[in-house]
Each structure stands twice: as C-alpha cells, then as structure tokens.
Amino acid sequence: MIKELLGHAHISITANTYAHVRLHLQRDAIERMGDALDGPEP
C-alpha cells in the first residue's frame, strides 16, 4: 500500500528508502540515550 501511495515502481525502492531513514532514527535515539545516561556535562 505504501509503495503505491508513494508512486514507487518497485517495493525495493520503498524498503531501501525507509530502511535508510530508520537507521538514522536509531542512531539519533542511541546518541540521545547515551547523552541522557551520561548526565549533564561539568
């Protein structure tokens, strides 16, 4: 359904696009979690 809504010709285009975005979101979340666990900088 998403492939069709976005107008992608192949599901691989949709999957590759969103897998790439997902990796960035995961990295950002990991960095934020690390910052939160480290506490404020002195």
N, C-alpha and C. Protein backbone atom coordinates (compact mmCIF):
# COMPACT_ATOMS: atom_id res chain seq x y z
N MET A 1 0.83 -1.19 0.00
CA MET A 1 0.00 0.00 0.00
C MET A 1 0.87 1.26 0.00
N ILE A 2 1.91 1.28 0.84
CA ILE A 2 2.78 2.46 0.91
C ILE A 2 3.48 2.68 -0.42
N LYS A 3 3.96 1.61 -1.03
CA LYS A 3 4.63 1.70 -2.34
C LYS A 3 3.71 2.38 -3.34
N GLU A 4 2.47 2.00 -3.35
CA GLU A 4 1.51 2.57 -4.29
C GLU A 4 1.21 4.03 -3.97
N LEU A 5 1.04 4.35 -2.70
CA LEU A 5 0.76 5.73 -2.31
C LEU A 5 1.91 6.67 -2.68
N LEU A 6 3.13 6.18 -2.54
CA LEU A 6 4.29 7.00 -2.85
C LEU A 6 4.64 7.00 -4.33
N GLY A 7 4.04 6.09 -5.09
CA GLY A 7 4.29 6.02 -6.52
C GLY A 7 5.58 5.34 -6.89
N HIS A 8 6.12 4.52 -5.99
CA HIS A 8 7.33 3.77 -6.29
C HIS A 8 7.01 2.62 -7.22
N ALA A 9 7.89 2.41 -8.19
CA ALA A 9 7.67 1.33 -9.16
C ALA A 9 7.89 -0.04 -8.54
N HIS A 10 8.83 -0.13 -7.60
CA HIS A 10 9.19 -1.42 -7.00
C HIS A 10 9.22 -1.30 -5.48
N ILE A 11 8.84 -2.35 -4.80
CA ILE A 11 8.84 -2.36 -3.34
C ILE A 11 10.25 -2.17 -2.79
N SER A 12 11.26 -2.58 -3.55
CA SER A 12 12.64 -2.43 -3.08
C SER A 12 13.02 -0.96 -2.92
N ILE A 13 12.48 -0.09 -3.74
CA ILE A 13 12.74 1.35 -3.61
C ILE A 13 12.18 1.85 -2.28
N THR A 14 10.96 1.47 -1.99
CA THR A 14 10.33 1.87 -0.73
C THR A 14 11.10 1.31 0.46
N ALA A 15 11.43 0.04 0.40
CA ALA A 15 12.13 -0.61 1.51
C ALA A 15 13.50 0.01 1.75
N ASN A 16 14.25 0.25 0.69
CA ASN A 16 15.57 0.84 0.84
C ASN A 16 15.51 2.26 1.39
N THR A 17 14.55 3.02 0.93
CA THR A 17 14.39 4.40 1.40
C THR A 17 14.10 4.43 2.88
N TYR A 18 13.13 3.64 3.31
CA TYR A 18 12.73 3.70 4.71
C TYR A 18 13.69 2.95 5.62
N ALA A 19 14.41 1.98 5.12
CA ALA A 19 15.44 1.32 5.93
C ALA A 19 16.54 2.33 6.23
N HIS A 20 16.90 3.15 5.26
CA HIS A 20 17.93 4.18 5.44
C HIS A 20 17.48 5.20 6.48
N VAL A 21 16.24 5.65 6.38
CA VAL A 21 15.70 6.62 7.35
C VAL A 21 15.66 6.01 8.74
N ARG A 22 15.26 4.76 8.81
CA ARG A 22 15.16 4.08 10.10
C ARG A 22 16.52 4.00 10.80
N LEU A 23 17.57 3.74 10.04
CA LEU A 23 18.90 3.67 10.62
C LEU A 23 19.31 5.01 11.22
N HIS A 24 19.00 6.10 10.54
CA HIS A 24 19.30 7.42 11.08
C HIS A 24 18.54 7.68 12.38
N LEU A 25 17.28 7.28 12.41
CA LEU A 25 16.47 7.48 13.61
C LEU A 25 17.02 6.65 14.77
N GLN A 26 17.47 5.43 14.47
CA GLN A 26 18.04 4.58 15.51
C GLN A 26 19.32 5.19 16.06
N ARG A 27 20.18 5.69 15.18
CA ARG A 27 21.43 6.31 15.64
C ARG A 27 21.16 7.53 16.50
N ASP A 28 20.22 8.36 16.07
CA ASP A 28 19.86 9.55 16.85
C ASP A 28 19.35 9.16 18.23
N ALA A 29 18.50 8.15 18.28
CA ALA A 29 17.95 7.70 19.55
C ALA A 29 19.05 7.16 20.46
N ILE A 30 19.98 6.42 19.91
CA ILE A 30 21.09 5.87 20.70
C ILE A 30 21.95 6.99 21.26
N GLU A 31 22.23 8.00 20.43
CA GLU A 31 23.02 9.13 20.90
C GLU A 31 22.31 9.88 22.03
N ARG A 32 21.01 10.11 21.86
CA ARG A 32 20.25 10.81 22.90
C ARG A 32 20.20 10.01 24.20
N MET A 33 20.05 8.69 24.07
CA MET A 33 20.02 7.84 25.24
C MET A 33 21.37 7.91 25.96
N GLY A 34 22.46 7.85 25.21
CA GLY A 34 23.79 7.96 25.79
C GLY A 34 23.98 9.28 26.49
N ASP A 35 23.54 10.37 25.88
CA ASP A 35 23.65 11.69 26.50
C ASP A 35 22.85 11.74 27.80
N ALA A 36 21.66 11.17 27.79
CA ALA A 36 20.81 11.18 28.99
C ALA A 36 21.43 10.36 30.11
N LEU A 37 22.05 9.23 29.78
CA LEU A 37 22.64 8.38 30.79
C LEU A 37 23.94 8.96 31.34
N ASP A 38 24.65 9.73 30.52
CA ASP A 38 25.89 10.36 30.97
C ASP A 38 25.63 11.50 31.93
N GLY A 39 24.47 12.08 31.89
CA GLY A 39 24.14 13.22 32.75
C GLY A 39 24.71 14.51 32.19
N PRO A 40 24.48 15.62 32.90
CA PRO A 40 24.96 16.91 32.41
C PRO A 40 26.48 16.99 32.42
N GLU A 41 27.01 17.75 31.47
CA GLU A 41 28.46 17.93 31.41
C GLU A 41 28.88 18.92 32.50
N PRO A 42 30.05 18.67 33.12
CA PRO A 42 30.52 19.56 34.20
C PRO A 42 30.91 20.94 33.69
